[in-house]
Amino acid sequence: MADELLMGLSTEKIDPDLDLISRGYIDSLAMMQLILFIEERFDVKVGEDEVQPDNFRSLNRIAAFVENKQRAPAHELEGAPGSAA
């Protein structure tokens, strides 16, 4: 994921708290691609209300967001915006 987003830059050289949005690594198109990747790769659904820059601002925030989505009980996901409940 990071390799594609960061255009081949080594993630070893990037601070996991680097603001990817303000540094220009993630724009609106890249954020949508990232969300699609997360949904497909990690089998989670990102609700419309979760499409917030703060959830995708750094590698650490992206990882925390995905981990929280994976831990969410199924009943919490059923009524989420954008879900097929």
N, C-alpha and C. Protein backbone atom coordinates (compact mmCIF):
# COMPACT_ATOMS: atom_id res chain seq x y z
N MET A 1 0.83 -1.18 0.00
CA MET A 1 0.00 0.00 0.00
C MET A 1 0.88 1.24 0.00
N ALA A 2 1.81 1.32 0.91
CA ALA A 2 2.66 2.50 1.01
C ALA A 2 3.50 2.67 -0.25
N ASP A 3 3.98 1.57 -0.82
CA ASP A 3 4.80 1.67 -2.02
C ASP A 3 4.04 2.35 -3.15
N GLU A 4 2.79 1.98 -3.33
CA GLU A 4 2.00 2.58 -4.40
C GLU A 4 1.67 4.04 -4.09
N LEU A 5 1.27 4.31 -2.88
CA LEU A 5 0.91 5.68 -2.50
C LEU A 5 2.10 6.62 -2.55
N LEU A 6 3.23 6.13 -2.13
CA LEU A 6 4.41 6.99 -2.00
C LEU A 6 5.32 6.90 -3.22
N MET A 7 4.76 6.43 -4.32
CA MET A 7 5.44 6.42 -5.60
C MET A 7 6.81 5.76 -5.55
N GLY A 8 6.88 4.61 -4.89
CA GLY A 8 8.11 3.85 -4.87
C GLY A 8 9.14 4.28 -3.84
N LEU A 9 8.86 5.32 -3.06
CA LEU A 9 9.81 5.69 -2.01
C LEU A 9 9.83 4.60 -0.95
N SER A 10 10.97 4.35 -0.41
CA SER A 10 11.09 3.32 0.62
C SER A 10 10.38 3.77 1.89
N THR A 11 9.51 2.93 2.41
CA THR A 11 8.79 3.27 3.64
C THR A 11 9.75 3.31 4.83
N GLU A 12 10.92 2.71 4.68
CA GLU A 12 11.91 2.76 5.76
C GLU A 12 12.43 4.18 5.96
N LYS A 13 12.37 5.01 4.93
CA LYS A 13 12.86 6.37 5.00
C LYS A 13 11.78 7.36 5.39
N ILE A 14 10.55 6.90 5.51
CA ILE A 14 9.43 7.81 5.79
C ILE A 14 8.97 7.62 7.22
N ASP A 15 8.89 8.73 7.92
CA ASP A 15 8.37 8.73 9.28
C ASP A 15 6.91 8.29 9.23
N PRO A 16 6.52 7.29 10.01
CA PRO A 16 5.14 6.81 9.98
C PRO A 16 4.12 7.86 10.43
N ASP A 17 4.60 8.96 11.01
CA ASP A 17 3.70 10.04 11.40
C ASP A 17 3.77 11.23 10.44
N LEU A 18 4.51 11.09 9.34
CA LEU A 18 4.60 12.15 8.35
C LEU A 18 3.22 12.48 7.81
N ASP A 19 2.88 13.76 7.71
CA ASP A 19 1.58 14.19 7.18
C ASP A 19 1.60 14.02 5.66
N LEU A 20 1.02 12.92 5.20
CA LEU A 20 1.04 12.57 3.79
C LEU A 20 0.17 13.51 2.95
N ILE A 21 -0.84 14.09 3.58
CA ILE A 21 -1.73 14.98 2.85
C ILE A 21 -1.06 16.33 2.61
N SER A 22 -0.53 16.94 3.67
CA SER A 22 0.09 18.25 3.51
C SER A 22 1.37 18.18 2.67
N ARG A 23 2.01 17.03 2.66
CA ARG A 23 3.23 16.87 1.85
C ARG A 23 2.92 16.52 0.39
N GLY A 24 1.64 16.33 0.07
CA GLY A 24 1.24 16.10 -1.31
C GLY A 24 1.28 14.66 -1.77
N TYR A 25 1.53 13.72 -0.87
CA TYR A 25 1.53 12.31 -1.26
C TYR A 25 0.11 11.79 -1.48
N ILE A 26 -0.85 12.35 -0.74
CA ILE A 26 -2.24 11.92 -0.88
C ILE A 26 -3.09 13.14 -1.22
N ASP A 27 -3.73 13.08 -2.41
CA ASP A 27 -4.71 14.09 -2.79
C ASP A 27 -6.07 13.41 -2.79
N SER A 28 -7.11 14.08 -3.27
CA SER A 28 -8.45 13.50 -3.19
C SER A 28 -8.56 12.22 -4.01
N LEU A 29 -7.93 12.16 -5.17
CA LEU A 29 -7.98 10.95 -5.98
C LEU A 29 -7.23 9.81 -5.30
N ALA A 30 -6.05 10.11 -4.77
CA ALA A 30 -5.27 9.09 -4.08
C ALA A 30 -6.02 8.59 -2.84
N MET A 31 -6.75 9.49 -2.16
CA MET A 31 -7.50 9.05 -0.98
C MET A 31 -8.60 8.06 -1.38
N MET A 32 -9.27 8.33 -2.49
CA MET A 32 -10.31 7.40 -2.94
C MET A 32 -9.70 6.06 -3.34
N GLN A 33 -8.54 6.09 -4.00
CA GLN A 33 -7.86 4.84 -4.36
C GLN A 33 -7.44 4.09 -3.10
N LEU A 34 -6.96 4.81 -2.11
CA LEU A 34 -6.57 4.21 -0.85
C LEU A 34 -7.75 3.55 -0.16
N ILE A 35 -8.88 4.23 -0.15
CA ILE A 35 -10.09 3.68 0.48
C ILE A 35 -10.52 2.40 -0.23
N LEU A 36 -10.51 2.41 -1.55
CA LEU A 36 -10.87 1.20 -2.30
C LEU A 36 -9.90 0.06 -1.98
N PHE A 37 -8.62 0.38 -1.93
CA PHE A 37 -7.61 -0.63 -1.59
C PHE A 37 -7.88 -1.20 -0.20
N ILE A 38 -8.13 -0.35 0.78
CA ILE A 38 -8.39 -0.78 2.15
C ILE A 38 -9.62 -1.68 2.20
N GLU A 39 -10.68 -1.27 1.52
CA GLU A 39 -11.91 -2.08 1.53
C GLU A 39 -11.69 -3.45 0.92
N GLU A 40 -10.97 -3.51 -0.19
CA GLU A 40 -10.73 -4.79 -0.85
C GLU A 40 -9.72 -5.65 -0.10
N ARG A 41 -8.62 -5.05 0.30
CA ARG A 41 -7.52 -5.81 0.93
C ARG A 41 -7.86 -6.31 2.32
N PHE A 42 -8.56 -5.48 3.10
CA PHE A 42 -8.81 -5.81 4.50
C PHE A 42 -10.26 -6.19 4.77
N ASP A 43 -11.07 -6.27 3.71
CA ASP A 43 -12.47 -6.69 3.82
C ASP A 43 -13.23 -5.88 4.87
N VAL A 44 -13.11 -4.56 4.75
CA VAL A 44 -13.85 -3.65 5.62
C VAL A 44 -14.60 -2.66 4.73
N LYS A 45 -15.61 -2.02 5.28
CA LYS A 45 -16.37 -1.01 4.56
C LYS A 45 -16.10 0.34 5.21
N VAL A 46 -15.68 1.30 4.42
CA VAL A 46 -15.43 2.65 4.90
C VAL A 46 -16.69 3.47 4.64
N GLY A 47 -17.32 3.93 5.71
CA GLY A 47 -18.54 4.71 5.59
C GLY A 47 -18.24 6.13 5.13
N GLU A 48 -19.25 6.77 4.54
CA GLU A 48 -19.08 8.14 4.06
C GLU A 48 -18.60 9.07 5.17
N ASP A 49 -19.10 8.86 6.38
CA ASP A 49 -18.71 9.72 7.50
C ASP A 49 -17.28 9.47 7.97
N GLU A 50 -16.67 8.40 7.49
CA GLU A 50 -15.29 8.08 7.87
C GLU A 50 -14.26 8.60 6.87
N VAL A 51 -14.74 9.12 5.75
CA VAL A 51 -13.84 9.67 4.74
C VAL A 51 -13.43 11.07 5.20
N GLN A 52 -12.56 11.07 6.18
CA GLN A 52 -12.04 12.29 6.79
C GLN A 52 -10.53 12.29 6.63
N PRO A 53 -9.95 13.42 6.27
CA PRO A 53 -8.50 13.47 6.10
C PRO A 53 -7.73 12.95 7.31
N ASP A 54 -8.21 13.20 8.51
CA ASP A 54 -7.48 12.75 9.70
C ASP A 54 -7.33 11.23 9.76
N ASN A 55 -8.26 10.48 9.18
CA ASN A 55 -8.15 9.02 9.18
C ASN A 55 -7.04 8.51 8.25
N PHE A 56 -6.60 9.35 7.31
CA PHE A 56 -5.67 8.93 6.28
C PHE A 56 -4.43 9.83 6.20
N ARG A 57 -4.20 10.62 7.22
CA ARG A 57 -3.15 11.64 7.21
C ARG A 57 -1.73 11.06 7.26
N SER A 58 -1.53 9.94 7.93
CA SER A 58 -0.19 9.35 8.05
C SER A 58 -0.30 7.84 7.99
N LEU A 59 0.85 7.18 7.82
CA LEU A 59 0.85 5.72 7.80
C LEU A 59 0.32 5.16 9.12
N ASN A 60 0.71 5.77 10.23
CA ASN A 60 0.21 5.31 11.53
C ASN A 60 -1.29 5.48 11.67
N ARG A 61 -1.82 6.61 11.19
CA ARG A 61 -3.27 6.82 11.28
C ARG A 61 -4.04 5.88 10.38
N ILE A 62 -3.51 5.60 9.21
CA ILE A 62 -4.15 4.65 8.30
C ILE A 62 -4.18 3.27 8.95
N ALA A 63 -3.05 2.85 9.52
CA ALA A 63 -2.98 1.53 10.17
C ALA A 63 -3.96 1.46 11.34
N ALA A 64 -4.03 2.50 12.16
CA ALA A 64 -4.95 2.51 13.30
C ALA A 64 -6.40 2.47 12.82
N PHE A 65 -6.70 3.20 11.76
CA PHE A 65 -8.06 3.20 11.21
C PHE A 65 -8.46 1.80 10.76
N VAL A 66 -7.57 1.14 10.01
CA VAL A 66 -7.87 -0.21 9.52
C VAL A 66 -8.01 -1.18 10.69
N GLU A 67 -7.14 -1.10 11.67
CA GLU A 67 -7.23 -1.99 12.83
C GLU A 67 -8.55 -1.79 13.57
N ASN A 68 -8.98 -0.55 13.74
CA ASN A 68 -10.25 -0.28 14.41
C ASN A 68 -11.42 -0.82 13.60
N LYS A 69 -11.36 -0.69 12.29
CA LYS A 69 -12.43 -1.23 11.43
C LYS A 69 -12.50 -2.74 11.54
N GLN A 70 -11.35 -3.39 11.60
CA GLN A 70 -11.34 -4.85 11.68
C GLN A 70 -11.84 -5.35 13.02
N ARG A 71 -11.67 -4.56 14.08
CA ARG A 71 -12.12 -4.96 15.41
C ARG A 71 -13.59 -4.66 15.66
N ALA A 72 -14.20 -3.82 14.82
CA ALA A 72 -15.59 -3.42 15.03
C ALA A 72 -16.50 -4.63 14.92
N PRO A 73 -17.42 -4.80 15.89
CA PRO A 73 -18.38 -5.90 15.81
C PRO A 73 -19.25 -5.76 14.56
N ALA A 74 -19.67 -6.88 14.01
CA ALA A 74 -20.46 -6.89 12.78
C ALA A 74 -21.73 -6.06 12.91
N HIS A 75 -22.38 -6.06 14.08
CA HIS A 75 -23.63 -5.31 14.21
C HIS A 75 -23.40 -3.81 14.10
N GLU A 76 -22.21 -3.32 14.43
CA GLU A 76 -21.90 -1.91 14.28
C GLU A 76 -21.72 -1.54 12.81
N LEU A 77 -21.28 -2.48 12.00
CA LEU A 77 -21.04 -2.21 10.61
C LEU A 77 -22.32 -2.24 9.78
N GLU A 78 -23.33 -2.99 10.22
CA GLU A 78 -24.55 -3.17 9.45
C GLU A 78 -25.28 -1.87 9.18
N GLY A 79 -25.31 -0.96 10.14
CA GLY A 79 -26.03 0.26 9.96
C GLY A 79 -25.17 1.42 9.53
N ALA A 80 -23.93 1.16 9.24
CA ALA A 80 -23.00 2.23 8.85
C ALA A 80 -23.39 2.80 7.50
N PRO A 81 -23.21 4.10 7.30
CA PRO A 81 -23.51 4.69 6.01
C PRO A 81 -22.72 3.98 4.91
N GLY A 82 -23.41 3.72 3.82
CA GLY A 82 -22.74 3.05 2.71
C GLY A 82 -22.78 1.54 2.80
N SER A 83 -23.31 0.99 3.92
CA SER A 83 -23.37 -0.48 4.04
C SER A 83 -24.67 -0.98 3.46
N ALA A 84 -24.70 -2.23 3.12
CA ALA A 84 -25.89 -2.86 2.53
C ALA A 84 -26.71 -3.52 3.63
N ALA A 85 -27.21 -2.75 4.55
CA ALA A 85 -27.98 -3.29 5.67
C ALA A 85 -29.43 -3.36 5.34
